[in-house]
Structure formats: C-alpha cells, structure tokens
C-alpha cells in the first residue's frame, strides 16, 4: 500500500513539475523572443526548461541526487515523449479519425505515464518499488556537508 501511495505522490509531483516547466518554457520564450529570433528563443527556452525540470524532478519529485550523468541522459525522456506524442497524433488522426485539433492532447496525456516511468528510472535508478519494500523518503537525497551517510 505504501509503494502505491509513494508512486501516486511522485506522479502528482511529476505532473506539477510538468505544469511549472511549461510555464518556464513559455515565459522564457516570450521574454527572449523580444530580443532574438523566435527559433533562438525557442531553443534556449527548451534548454532552460529542461534543466529546470531536471532539477525539480531530482530535488522535489523523486528526492534524488542530481548528477552530470543524469543531466546528460535526461533529454532522452523528452525525446521519448516527443516520439510517442508524434506517433500518437499520426495514429489517432490517420487510423482512428480523431480530430487533428484534439489528437495532440490525447497523445500527450497517453505519453505521460511512460515519461514518468522513464524519468523515475533514470533519476532514481529503480523502475518501481516492490510492495512493502519502499525506500525511506529522501534516502537518495543529498546529505548535508560533514554528515556521514
């Protein structure tokens, strides 16, 4: 039961980070688009949002220590989401005859669980917690200086 609660807690926090991340991306894009080409603004905004998402998911969602390796691999979660939503839109529009204005929303919602599981695996190193064997909250969190683990 505790493992299910922990997963739901992480999923909720992951969704909150997604909403915040969207706001960071869009705000950064709007700000930079006033002083640069829209494509430059878009690319920089994506980078800013991705780093922000990485840090929020490490420190707040999964309470794990960020590393350079994790940061380097984190864009794979976004790439997976991009591929899934793209394929989903094509399948929904072409094969299922879903309205092309609605298909991206459905595809995005369908991709969230996979992106969540992939992010959790990448950031925590474990796919899921076995029932009854839940790790202590913050077990992988940074330890204050001078305090042995």
Protein backbone atom coordinates (compact mmCIF):
# COMPACT_ATOMS: atom_id res chain seq x y z
CA UNK A 1 0.00 0.00 0.00
CA UNK A 2 2.84 2.39 0.84
CA UNK A 3 4.52 1.76 -2.52
CA UNK A 4 1.27 2.68 -4.29
CA UNK A 5 0.99 5.89 -2.26
CA UNK A 6 4.61 6.76 -2.98
CA UNK A 7 4.10 6.21 -6.71
CA UNK A 8 0.95 8.36 -6.69
CA UNK A 9 2.78 11.03 -4.69
CA UNK A 10 5.64 11.01 -7.21
CA UNK A 11 3.20 11.05 -10.15
CA UNK A 12 1.37 14.07 -8.70
CA UNK A 13 4.63 15.93 -8.16
CA UNK A 14 5.77 14.95 -11.66
CA UNK A 15 2.57 16.48 -13.08
CA UNK A 16 3.09 19.69 -11.07
CA UNK A 17 6.65 19.93 -12.39
CA UNK A 18 5.26 19.48 -15.91
CA UNK A 19 2.89 22.41 -15.44
CA UNK A 20 5.63 24.59 -13.92
CA UNK A 21 8.01 23.51 -16.68
CA UNK A 22 5.52 24.56 -19.35
CA UNK A 23 5.24 27.98 -17.72
CA UNK A 24 9.03 28.32 -17.50
CA UNK A 25 9.39 27.38 -21.16
CA UNK A 26 6.69 29.76 -22.34
CA UNK A 27 7.79 32.66 -20.14
CA UNK A 28 11.40 32.26 -21.22
CA UNK A 29 10.33 32.01 -24.86
CA UNK A 30 8.21 35.17 -24.65
CA UNK A 31 10.98 37.10 -22.91
CA UNK A 32 13.73 36.01 -25.31
CA UNK A 33 11.58 36.46 -28.42
CA UNK A 34 11.57 40.20 -27.74
CA UNK A 35 15.36 40.35 -28.20
CA UNK A 36 16.15 37.42 -30.50
CA UNK A 37 14.84 35.36 -33.41
CA UNK A 38 11.89 33.17 -32.42
CA UNK A 39 13.82 29.96 -33.16
CA UNK A 40 16.73 31.01 -30.91
CA UNK A 41 14.20 31.94 -28.22
CA UNK A 42 12.54 28.53 -28.59
CA UNK A 43 15.79 26.56 -28.36
CA UNK A 44 17.11 28.49 -25.36
CA UNK A 45 13.70 28.23 -23.65
CA UNK A 46 13.73 24.46 -24.16
CA UNK A 47 17.19 24.21 -22.59
CA UNK A 48 16.22 26.40 -19.63
CA UNK A 49 13.00 24.43 -19.09
CA UNK A 50 14.76 21.07 -19.42
CA UNK A 51 17.40 21.96 -16.82
CA UNK A 52 14.68 23.35 -14.54
CA UNK A 53 12.60 20.21 -14.98
CA UNK A 54 15.63 18.03 -14.26
CA UNK A 55 16.44 19.87 -11.03
CA UNK A 56 12.82 19.99 -9.83
CA UNK A 57 12.33 16.30 -10.57
CA UNK A 58 15.57 15.41 -8.79
CA UNK A 59 15.12 17.55 -5.70
CA UNK A 60 11.34 17.71 -5.32
CA UNK A 61 9.63 14.87 -7.22
CA UNK A 62 11.97 11.95 -6.59
CA UNK A 63 14.27 13.41 -3.91
CA UNK A 64 17.39 12.11 -5.53
CA UNK A 65 20.87 13.50 -6.01
CA UNK A 66 21.37 15.16 -9.40
CA UNK A 67 24.49 14.11 -11.28
CA UNK A 68 26.10 15.19 -14.55
CA UNK A 69 25.35 11.73 -15.97
CA UNK A 70 21.66 12.02 -15.12
CA UNK A 71 21.56 15.51 -16.61
CA UNK A 72 23.19 14.23 -19.81
CA UNK A 73 20.64 11.39 -20.10
CA UNK A 74 17.58 13.41 -19.05
CA UNK A 75 16.85 14.70 -22.60
CA UNK A 76 16.11 11.08 -23.54
CA UNK A 77 12.89 11.32 -21.52
CA UNK A 78 11.86 14.35 -23.59
CA UNK A 79 12.85 12.61 -26.83
CA UNK A 80 10.76 9.59 -25.86
CA UNK A 81 7.81 11.87 -25.12
CA UNK A 82 8.27 13.62 -28.46
CA UNK A 83 8.34 10.33 -30.41
CA UNK A 84 5.35 8.93 -28.53
CA UNK A 85 3.23 12.04 -29.00
CA UNK A 86 4.18 12.32 -32.68
CA UNK A 87 3.35 8.69 -33.39
CA UNK A 88 0.21 9.04 -31.27
CA UNK A 89 -1.02 12.04 -33.24
CA UNK A 90 -0.46 10.27 -36.56
CA UNK A 91 -2.20 7.10 -35.37
CA UNK A 92 -5.12 9.00 -33.85
CA UNK A 93 -5.67 11.23 -36.89
CA UNK A 94 -4.92 8.77 -39.70
CA UNK A 95 -6.16 5.46 -38.29
CA UNK A 96 -8.73 6.36 -35.64
CA UNK A 97 -10.11 9.51 -37.35
CA UNK A 98 -9.75 11.71 -34.25
CA UNK A 99 -9.99 15.44 -34.96
CA UNK A 100 -6.48 16.80 -35.55
CA UNK A 101 -7.07 19.57 -33.00
CA UNK A 102 -7.84 17.04 -30.27
CA UNK A 103 -5.31 14.34 -31.17
CA UNK A 104 -2.24 16.12 -29.69
CA UNK A 105 -3.94 16.44 -26.31
CA UNK A 106 -4.89 12.76 -26.23
CA UNK A 107 -1.43 11.70 -27.37
CA UNK A 108 0.24 13.93 -24.76
CA UNK A 109 -1.88 12.52 -21.94
CA UNK A 110 -1.17 8.97 -23.13
CA UNK A 111 2.59 9.65 -23.11
CA UNK A 112 2.70 10.99 -19.53
CA UNK A 113 2.83 7.58 -17.76
CA UNK A 114 5.69 6.38 -19.97
CA UNK A 115 7.59 9.63 -19.49
CA UNK A 116 7.01 9.40 -15.73
CA UNK A 117 8.28 5.81 -15.53
CA UNK A 118 11.30 6.59 -17.69
CA UNK A 119 12.13 9.69 -15.65
CA UNK A 120 11.79 7.78 -12.38
CA UNK A 121 14.04 5.02 -13.69
CA UNK A 122 16.67 7.47 -14.94
CA UNK A 123 16.68 9.71 -11.88
CA UNK A 124 16.33 7.14 -9.11
CA UNK A 125 17.89 4.07 -10.73
CA UNK A 126 14.92 1.89 -9.91
CA UNK A 127 11.88 1.08 -12.03
CA UNK A 128 9.41 0.72 -9.19
CA UNK A 129 9.41 -0.02 -5.51
CA UNK A 130 8.37 -3.53 -4.56
CA UNK A 131 5.30 -3.63 -2.31
CA UNK A 132 6.33 -3.48 1.32
CA UNK A 133 9.93 -2.63 0.43
CA UNK A 134 9.61 1.11 -0.03
CA UNK A 135 12.76 3.14 0.46
CA UNK A 136 12.83 5.83 3.08
CA UNK A 137 11.71 9.19 1.66
CA UNK A 138 14.78 11.16 0.72
CA UNK A 139 17.09 8.14 1.01
CA UNK A 140 18.95 9.28 -2.08
CA UNK A 141 18.74 12.97 -1.22
CA UNK A 142 21.90 15.00 -0.80
CA UNK A 143 23.47 14.69 2.62
CA UNK A 144 24.46 17.93 4.36
CA UNK A 145 28.20 18.59 4.41
CA UNK A 146 30.07 16.87 7.18
CA UNK A 147 27.26 14.41 7.88
CA UNK A 148 28.22 10.81 7.05
CA UNK A 149 25.71 8.59 5.28
